[in-house]
Amino acid sequence: MLTMMMAFALVASGTPPTAAAAAAAERRPPLDRPASTMTGTEIKAYNVGLAPTHPDFIKCRKIEEIGSLVKKARVCRTNEQWKQAWAQGNQNARDTAEVMTRAPVNHSN
C-alpha cells in the first residue's frame, strides 16, 4: 500500500515511472539474525513497503518434519534466499543424476 502511494505521488509530481520502480527496487540492509527466528510481527514490520516479489521480502513456509505425522518446522527466508536454495537443490539433483548415470553397473548381485 505504501509503495503504491509513493508511486502515485511520484507520478502525480511529474517524475517518470522509472523513478517509482527504482524506489521500489531499493534493497534493505541484511538481517542481523535468521528470518526463521523472527516473530510474525517482526516479519510483517520488515516487509512493510515491499512488494511480495521483492528480493528482500520475507516469506515463511511450514515444512513437514520427517518422522512425525503432525510436527512442522517454520522456515522463513527472503525471496532471494528461497531462490538460492531452489537453485542449489536443483544443482544437487543434477549432480546426483549425472554421477548415477556415469557410475559402473555391477551385475554380479
Protein backbone atom coordinates (compact mmCIF):
# COMPACT_ATOMS: atom_id res chain seq x y z
CA MET A 1 0.00 0.00 0.00
CA LEU A 2 2.79 2.38 0.94
CA THR A 3 4.68 1.58 -2.28
CA MET A 4 1.55 2.31 -4.32
CA MET A 5 1.11 5.64 -2.56
CA MET A 6 4.76 6.54 -3.19
CA ALA A 7 4.46 5.56 -6.85
CA PHE A 8 1.26 7.60 -7.20
CA ALA A 9 2.93 10.62 -5.57
CA LEU A 10 5.91 10.33 -7.93
CA VAL A 11 3.66 10.05 -10.99
CA ALA A 12 1.49 12.94 -9.81
CA SER A 13 4.58 15.09 -9.30
CA GLY A 14 5.68 14.51 -12.88
CA THR A 15 8.52 12.13 -12.04
CA PRO A 16 8.82 9.40 -14.66
CA PRO A 17 7.56 5.92 -13.68
CA THR A 18 11.10 4.54 -13.85
CA ALA A 19 11.91 6.54 -10.71
CA ALA A 20 9.00 4.83 -8.93
CA ALA A 21 10.33 1.44 -10.00
CA ALA A 22 13.83 2.38 -8.80
CA ALA A 23 12.46 3.49 -5.42
CA ALA A 24 10.60 0.19 -5.05
CA ALA A 25 13.71 -1.78 -6.01
CA GLU A 26 15.82 -0.39 -3.15
CA ARG A 27 17.46 -3.13 -1.11
CA ARG A 28 17.06 -3.46 2.64
CA PRO A 29 20.10 -3.90 4.89
CA PRO A 30 20.95 -7.56 5.58
CA LEU A 31 19.19 -9.19 8.52
CA ASP A 32 21.15 -9.38 11.78
CA ARG A 33 19.69 -12.82 12.54
CA PRO A 34 18.00 -15.64 10.62
CA ALA A 35 14.48 -14.80 9.48
CA SER A 36 13.18 -18.07 10.98
CA THR A 37 13.96 -16.76 14.46
CA MET A 38 11.90 -13.60 13.92
CA THR A 39 8.33 -13.35 15.18
CA GLY A 40 5.43 -12.85 12.79
CA THR A 41 5.11 -9.24 13.95
CA GLU A 42 8.78 -8.54 13.22
CA ILE A 43 8.48 -10.07 9.76
CA LYS A 44 5.38 -8.01 8.97
CA ALA A 45 7.17 -4.84 10.11
CA TYR A 46 10.20 -5.72 7.95
CA ASN A 47 8.01 -6.39 4.89
CA VAL A 48 6.15 -3.06 5.10
CA GLY A 49 6.52 -1.24 1.79
CA LEU A 50 7.96 -4.23 -0.08
CA ALA A 51 6.20 -5.97 -2.94
CA PRO A 52 5.76 -9.73 -2.42
CA THR A 53 8.09 -10.27 -5.38
CA HIS A 54 10.87 -8.03 -4.00
CA PRO A 55 14.13 -9.94 -3.32
CA ASP A 56 14.17 -8.80 0.34
CA PHE A 57 10.54 -9.75 1.09
CA ILE A 58 10.45 -12.46 3.78
CA LYS A 59 8.22 -15.49 3.17
CA CYS A 60 7.60 -18.27 5.65
CA ARG A 61 6.70 -21.87 4.86
CA LYS A 62 5.81 -24.78 7.07
CA ILE A 63 7.81 -27.87 6.20
CA GLU A 64 6.84 -31.30 7.50
CA GLU A 65 9.43 -32.87 9.76
CA ILE A 66 10.49 -36.36 8.82
CA GLY A 67 9.36 -39.00 11.29
CA SER A 68 6.34 -37.07 12.54
CA LEU A 69 2.77 -37.09 11.31
CA VAL A 70 1.97 -33.72 12.86
CA LYS A 71 5.09 -31.66 13.60
CA LYS A 72 6.07 -28.96 11.13
CA ALA A 73 9.04 -26.61 11.09
CA ARG A 74 8.54 -22.94 10.26
CA VAL A 75 11.19 -21.82 7.76
CA CYS A 76 11.43 -18.14 6.85
CA ARG A 77 13.74 -16.71 4.21
CA THR A 78 13.89 -13.76 1.86
CA ASN A 79 12.83 -14.31 -1.74
CA GLU A 80 16.49 -14.16 -2.73
CA GLN A 81 17.40 -16.86 -0.19
CA TRP A 82 14.49 -19.07 -1.38
CA LYS A 83 15.72 -18.61 -4.96
CA GLN A 84 19.27 -19.61 -3.98
CA ALA A 85 18.03 -22.66 -2.03
CA TRP A 86 15.91 -23.74 -5.01
CA ALA A 87 18.85 -23.34 -7.41
CA GLN A 88 21.20 -25.24 -5.06
CA GLY A 89 18.68 -28.08 -4.67
CA ASN A 90 18.28 -28.36 -8.43
CA GLN A 91 22.06 -28.36 -8.93
CA ASN A 92 22.45 -31.10 -6.31
CA ALA A 93 19.81 -33.20 -8.08
CA ARG A 94 21.53 -32.69 -11.46
CA ASP A 95 24.90 -33.62 -9.99
CA THR A 96 23.47 -36.77 -8.40
CA ALA A 97 21.72 -37.81 -11.61
CA GLU A 98 24.92 -37.25 -13.58
CA VAL A 99 27.00 -39.34 -11.17
CA MET A 100 24.41 -42.12 -11.21
CA THR A 101 24.36 -42.31 -15.00
CA ARG A 102 28.17 -42.45 -15.17
CA ALA A 103 28.60 -45.00 -12.36
CA PRO A 104 29.55 -48.52 -13.44
CA VAL A 105 26.77 -51.06 -13.03
CA ASN A 106 27.55 -54.20 -11.04
CA HIS A 107 25.62 -57.16 -12.47
CA SER A 108 27.15 -59.76 -10.16
CA ASN A 109 24.44 -59.49 -7.48
